[in-house]
Every structure is written in C-alpha cells, then in structure tokens.
Amino acid sequence: MKTDAHGTSHGTNAKHHIPVALVTGGSSGLGRALVLGLAEIGWTVVTDARHSAALTDLTHPGVVAITGDVTDAAHRADLVAALERLGGLDLLVHNASTLGPTPLPPLREATADTIPEVIRTNLGAPILLTAACLPLLTASRGTLLSISSDAAVEHYEGWGLYGASKAALDHATLTFAVETPDISAYAVDPGDMRTPMHQAAFPGEDITDRTLPETVVPHLLALLAARPPSGRYRAHDVPAPAPAVEVAAR
C-alpha cells in the first residue's frame, strides 16, 4: 500500500490506513522537526533518542518515543516491535548520526576509537535497521530516506570522517533501492541548518545565519509526495508547496 506525504493511502481499504514512520534521532534538530511535521499531517511516528529526558517534550498524540541508542541491537529490536504493533511501516528515516570528536579534527588525526564510533552510528546502524525493517517497508511499498550532507560529496577540512560516513550511507541507501525495487530510496542533503549538531561543529561561533530545520521539512514532505525515482537529492531543489493563504469571508 502506498501513502503520500499527507497520509493519503492508495489501495484496498486505503481510507482506514494511518501511515507509520520511523525517524531515528528525533529529539532535536531536523529529526524533531520532521517528527512533528509528519505527526501534524496525520502520521503515526516512532522516534528515539539516547536519553529519555531529550524526548519529554515530544508529547504529540501521534508520536511514539522510545529511549535507546540505534547502534544497540536490542534497541533496534524494540523499534521494530513497536512498528509491528502499529501494523506496519511506510517511511523509514535515518536521521540519527554523530560528528565524532569536536571541534572537528583533520582526518589525519582519526584514531582506532573514533573511526568505528562514527562508522557504526552513521553507516552500520542504518544498514542493520533497514534490513530489520525491510519486510515491513516492502509490504507497504514504502520509502527509505537517509539524511545526507554536502560533506558526502564536497571536501572540507575537519569533515573528512563524517563526510566519508555519509558518502557510504548514500551508497548503501541507493543499493537498497536496487536490491529492493518495491521501495523508493532517497539520500537527501538538507543543507546547513541551525541545529545543535551544527553548533557542535563550530563551537563558540554564531550560526544564526543558518536556516532553521523546520524550513527544510516542507521540502522533504514534497519529495515524499512526488516520489521521484530513487536517488540523491538536495532538499531545497525540491519545490515546497506554497503556504495556504486565508481569504477573509465577505
């Protein structure tokens, strides 16, 4: 069964279907904005964070918040169990990630400890979680969405390890699309945003010139609604719907 970005379903008994999404790392930044954006248009959204305190303000009735680390196998099993209780999965979003050490060191300073941490979080966990969710995602002919970065295709000092992990995630995401033609898969660069992660990359700097993550969500929803061919996209290259204009009654 297919669903569009506004929760409209297509198929048998479509009018009774409430679409279900899993968005990892939903406690702040783009993840939180997307969780709430989907919930506001009628989705049920499962999300997670490593610390329960970070999830306390996600009180929307459409949000199911589960504490845990996506790199932990038991936590991934908890997420899949929650999806099964909800009856399926229409959208899987890999948003949780780590920069590694901050301030961002040059690639030559990567260590035997920092490399596995970044790769395990940004690549290993998404691959394993996708594999665990694939039966549900295939059954709904759903969508896999991985949040990428311009650092996956550009080369910035200090961003080498993070960028390499995102480039690998792009590759893995689109390989799932080739191997599982019943799903759509997208690696999306959201652009620079005013988020805690971006602030951590630039400690002490003013990042208020960056766009708010809430402004990216309409572009992601537009992508989900349009459902173009699987591939890598920049969020702001996907036109967002014009905001509704209220007309005063005469």
Protein backbone atom coordinates (compact mmCIF):
# COMPACT_ATOMS: atom_id res chain seq x y z
CA MET A 1 0.00 0.00 0.00
CA LYS A 2 1.38 3.43 -0.94
CA THR A 3 0.94 6.61 1.04
CA ASP A 4 1.68 10.16 0.07
CA ALA A 5 3.29 12.77 2.31
CA HIS A 6 -0.07 13.90 3.65
CA GLY A 7 -1.05 10.47 4.86
CA THR A 8 -3.29 9.65 1.92
CA SER A 9 -3.22 5.93 1.18
CA HIS A 10 -3.67 4.09 -2.07
CA GLY A 11 -5.01 0.57 -2.27
CA THR A 12 -7.57 -1.67 -0.66
CA ASN A 13 -9.18 -0.19 2.47
CA ALA A 14 -6.97 2.86 1.94
CA LYS A 15 -9.27 5.23 3.81
CA HIS A 16 -8.64 3.31 7.04
CA HIS A 17 -4.86 3.43 6.80
CA ILE A 18 -2.87 5.76 9.03
CA PRO A 19 0.69 5.89 7.68
CA VAL A 20 3.52 4.98 10.04
CA ALA A 21 7.04 6.43 10.03
CA LEU A 22 10.19 5.65 11.97
CA VAL A 23 12.50 8.65 12.33
CA THR A 24 15.71 7.99 14.25
CA GLY A 25 17.24 10.75 16.35
CA GLY A 26 14.03 12.71 16.79
CA SER A 27 14.84 14.68 19.94
CA SER A 28 16.33 17.78 18.29
CA GLY A 29 17.22 19.49 15.03
CA LEU A 30 15.86 18.19 11.75
CA GLY A 31 14.76 14.90 13.30
CA ARG A 32 12.47 16.62 15.79
CA ALA A 33 11.11 19.00 13.16
CA LEU A 34 10.31 16.11 10.82
CA VAL A 35 8.71 14.02 13.58
CA LEU A 36 6.37 16.85 14.48
CA GLY A 37 5.76 17.79 10.85
CA LEU A 38 4.65 14.26 10.00
CA ALA A 39 2.54 13.96 13.14
CA GLU A 40 0.77 17.22 12.34
CA ILE A 41 -0.42 15.88 8.99
CA GLY A 42 -1.76 12.65 10.42
CA TRP A 43 1.12 10.20 10.55
CA THR A 44 1.96 7.99 13.49
CA VAL A 45 5.69 8.50 14.10
CA VAL A 46 8.01 6.27 16.09
CA THR A 47 11.21 8.02 17.10
CA ASP A 48 14.10 7.62 19.52
CA ALA A 49 16.95 9.29 21.35
CA ARG A 50 19.70 8.02 23.60
CA HIS A 51 18.39 9.87 26.69
CA SER A 52 14.79 9.88 27.88
CA ALA A 53 14.99 13.50 29.03
CA ALA A 54 15.51 14.58 25.42
CA LEU A 55 12.16 13.05 24.45
CA THR A 56 9.98 14.51 27.21
CA ASP A 57 8.60 17.39 25.13
CA LEU A 58 7.55 15.17 22.21
CA THR A 59 4.02 14.92 23.56
CA HIS A 60 2.07 14.95 20.30
CA PRO A 61 -0.51 12.11 20.37
CA GLY A 62 0.83 10.83 17.05
CA VAL A 63 4.37 10.34 18.38
CA VAL A 64 5.69 7.15 19.99
CA ALA A 65 9.03 7.95 21.68
CA ILE A 66 11.41 5.15 22.67
CA THR A 67 14.66 5.72 24.56
CA GLY A 68 17.71 3.94 23.24
CA ASP A 69 20.81 4.00 21.05
CA VAL A 70 20.29 2.99 17.44
CA THR A 71 23.66 1.22 17.47
CA ASP A 72 22.29 -1.22 20.08
CA ALA A 73 20.72 -4.39 18.67
CA ALA A 74 18.19 -4.69 21.48
CA HIS A 75 17.00 -1.14 20.89
CA ARG A 76 16.61 -1.77 17.17
CA ALA A 77 14.51 -4.81 18.04
CA ASP A 78 12.34 -2.60 20.28
CA LEU A 79 11.79 -0.20 17.39
CA VAL A 80 10.75 -2.98 15.03
CA ALA A 81 8.43 -4.44 17.68
CA ALA A 82 6.75 -1.04 18.06
CA LEU A 83 6.22 -0.86 14.30
CA GLU A 84 4.72 -4.34 14.25
CA ARG A 85 2.29 -3.34 17.00
CA LEU A 86 1.28 -0.35 14.89
CA GLY A 87 0.65 -2.60 11.91
CA GLY A 88 3.46 -1.71 9.52
CA LEU A 89 5.90 0.89 8.23
CA ASP A 90 5.53 3.34 5.36
CA LEU A 91 8.59 5.54 5.86
CA LEU A 92 11.99 4.87 7.45
CA VAL A 93 14.16 7.95 8.03
CA HIS A 94 17.81 7.60 9.06
CA ASN A 95 18.46 10.89 10.81
CA ALA A 96 20.48 9.89 13.89
CA SER A 97 24.20 10.47 13.38
CA THR A 98 27.37 11.63 15.07
CA LEU A 99 30.09 14.07 14.06
CA GLY A 100 32.73 12.27 16.12
CA PRO A 101 35.16 14.41 18.13
CA THR A 102 34.50 18.15 18.22
CA PRO A 103 35.96 20.61 17.39
CA LEU A 104 36.33 18.65 14.17
CA PRO A 105 39.93 17.40 13.81
CA PRO A 106 41.71 16.88 10.48
CA LEU A 107 41.34 13.41 9.02
CA ARG A 108 44.96 12.58 9.79
CA GLU A 109 44.05 12.65 13.49
CA ALA A 110 41.36 9.97 13.22
CA THR A 111 42.00 7.14 15.66
CA ALA A 112 41.16 3.48 16.09
CA ASP A 113 38.45 4.61 18.52
CA THR A 114 36.86 7.48 16.60
CA ILE A 115 36.62 5.71 13.25
CA PRO A 116 34.46 2.79 14.48
CA GLU A 117 32.24 5.15 16.51
CA VAL A 118 31.36 7.31 13.51
CA ILE A 119 31.02 4.41 11.07
CA ARG A 120 28.94 2.33 13.49
CA THR A 121 26.48 5.19 14.07
CA ASN A 122 26.30 6.76 10.63
CA LEU A 123 26.54 3.64 8.46
CA GLY A 124 26.37 0.37 10.38
CA ALA A 125 23.23 1.13 12.40
CA PRO A 126 21.25 2.42 9.38
CA ILE A 127 22.16 -0.68 7.35
CA LEU A 128 21.15 -3.04 10.14
CA LEU A 129 17.96 -1.14 10.96
CA THR A 130 16.96 -1.02 7.29
CA ALA A 131 17.50 -4.76 6.99
CA ALA A 132 15.34 -5.36 10.09
CA CYS A 133 12.58 -3.07 8.77
CA LEU A 134 12.73 -4.20 5.16
CA PRO A 135 9.91 -6.78 5.34
CA LEU A 136 7.54 -4.12 6.71
CA LEU A 137 8.77 -1.46 4.29
CA THR A 138 8.47 -3.79 1.31
CA ALA A 139 4.95 -4.85 2.28
CA SER A 140 3.82 -1.20 2.19
CA ARG A 141 5.88 -0.37 -0.90
CA GLY A 142 7.26 2.34 1.34
CA THR A 143 10.10 4.83 1.36
CA LEU A 144 13.63 4.80 2.77
CA LEU A 145 15.06 8.27 3.42
CA SER A 146 18.60 8.87 4.65
CA ILE A 147 19.66 12.34 5.76
CA SER A 148 22.94 13.04 4.00
CA SER A 149 25.24 16.06 3.86
CA ASP A 150 27.09 18.14 1.32
CA ALA A 151 30.20 16.80 3.08
CA ALA A 152 29.42 13.48 1.39
CA VAL A 153 30.33 14.97 -2.00
CA GLU A 154 32.44 18.02 -1.12
CA HIS A 155 35.72 18.09 0.81
CA TYR A 156 36.01 20.31 3.89
CA GLU A 157 38.81 20.43 6.40
CA GLY A 158 37.79 18.57 9.55
CA TRP A 159 34.74 16.94 7.97
CA GLY A 160 36.58 14.01 6.35
CA LEU A 161 35.45 11.17 8.62
CA TYR A 162 31.86 12.39 8.90
CA GLY A 163 31.71 13.07 5.16
CA ALA A 164 33.09 9.63 4.34
CA SER A 165 30.45 8.00 6.54
CA LYS A 166 27.68 9.98 4.83
CA ALA A 167 29.02 9.12 1.38
CA ALA A 168 28.92 5.47 2.38
CA LEU A 169 25.38 5.90 3.72
CA ASP A 170 24.30 7.42 0.38
CA HIS A 171 25.75 4.39 -1.39
CA ALA A 172 24.08 1.92 0.97
CA THR A 173 20.72 3.67 0.72
CA LEU A 174 20.65 3.57 -3.05
CA THR A 175 21.90 -0.01 -3.10
CA PHE A 176 18.85 -0.97 -1.02
CA ALA A 177 16.76 0.64 -3.78
CA VAL A 178 18.42 -1.53 -6.44
CA GLU A 179 18.10 -4.68 -4.37
CA THR A 180 14.51 -3.97 -3.30
CA PRO A 181 12.65 -2.45 -6.26
CA ASP A 182 9.34 -2.36 -4.37
CA ILE A 183 10.60 0.54 -2.23
CA SER A 184 11.73 4.07 -3.06
CA ALA A 185 15.01 5.24 -1.52
CA TYR A 186 16.45 8.73 -1.21
CA ALA A 187 19.67 10.20 0.17
CA VAL A 188 18.87 13.86 0.86
CA ASP A 189 21.22 16.73 1.62
CA PRO A 190 19.21 19.13 3.82
CA GLY A 191 21.76 21.96 3.60
CA ASP A 192 23.32 23.83 6.51
CA MET A 193 20.91 24.23 9.39
CA ARG A 194 20.78 25.89 12.78
CA THR A 195 20.95 22.71 14.85
CA PRO A 196 22.81 21.51 17.97
CA MET A 197 24.96 19.27 15.79
CA HIS A 198 25.97 22.12 13.51
CA GLN A 199 26.73 24.28 16.54
CA ALA A 200 28.94 21.50 17.92
CA ALA A 201 30.90 21.57 14.66
CA PHE A 202 31.54 25.29 15.14
CA PRO A 203 31.89 25.78 18.90
CA GLY A 204 31.61 29.38 20.00
CA GLU A 205 30.59 30.63 16.54
CA ASP A 206 27.35 32.40 15.68
CA ILE A 207 25.36 30.12 13.37
CA THR A 208 22.13 32.12 13.38
CA ASP A 209 22.57 32.75 9.66
CA ARG A 210 21.80 29.06 9.01
CA THR A 211 18.28 28.05 8.11
CA LEU A 212 16.01 26.57 10.76
CA PRO A 213 15.35 22.83 10.34
CA GLU A 214 11.59 23.49 10.28
CA THR A 215 12.04 25.21 6.91
CA VAL A 216 13.52 22.03 5.42
CA VAL A 217 10.58 19.81 6.39
CA PRO A 218 8.20 21.07 3.64
CA HIS A 219 10.79 20.15 1.03
CA LEU A 220 11.12 16.64 2.48
CA LEU A 221 7.35 16.22 2.53
CA ALA A 222 7.19 17.43 -1.08
CA LEU A 223 9.78 14.82 -2.05
CA LEU A 224 7.78 12.09 -0.33
CA ALA A 225 4.59 13.23 -2.06
CA ALA A 226 6.20 13.43 -5.51
CA ARG A 227 8.00 10.11 -5.10
CA PRO A 228 10.54 10.65 -7.89
CA PRO A 229 12.97 7.90 -8.93
CA SER A 230 15.27 6.68 -6.18
CA GLY A 231 18.41 8.78 -5.98
CA ARG A 232 20.35 11.52 -4.21
CA TYR A 233 18.63 14.90 -3.90
CA ARG A 234 19.19 18.29 -2.30
CA ALA A 235 16.19 19.22 -0.20
CA HIS A 236 15.96 22.78 -1.47
CA ASP A 237 15.94 21.60 -5.09
CA VAL A 238 12.53 20.04 -4.41
CA PRO A 239 9.91 22.82 -4.53
CA ALA A 240 7.82 23.05 -1.39
CA PRO A 241 4.11 23.83 -1.66
CA ALA A 242 3.22 27.50 -1.32
CA PRO A 243 1.76 28.28 2.10
CA ALA A 244 -2.01 28.44 2.21
CA VAL A 245 -3.42 31.95 2.15
CA GLU A 246 -6.53 32.59 4.20
CA VAL A 247 -9.22 34.59 2.44
CA ALA A 248 -11.42 36.71 4.65
CA ALA A 249 -15.13 35.97 4.38
CA ARG A 250 -17.16 38.67 2.67
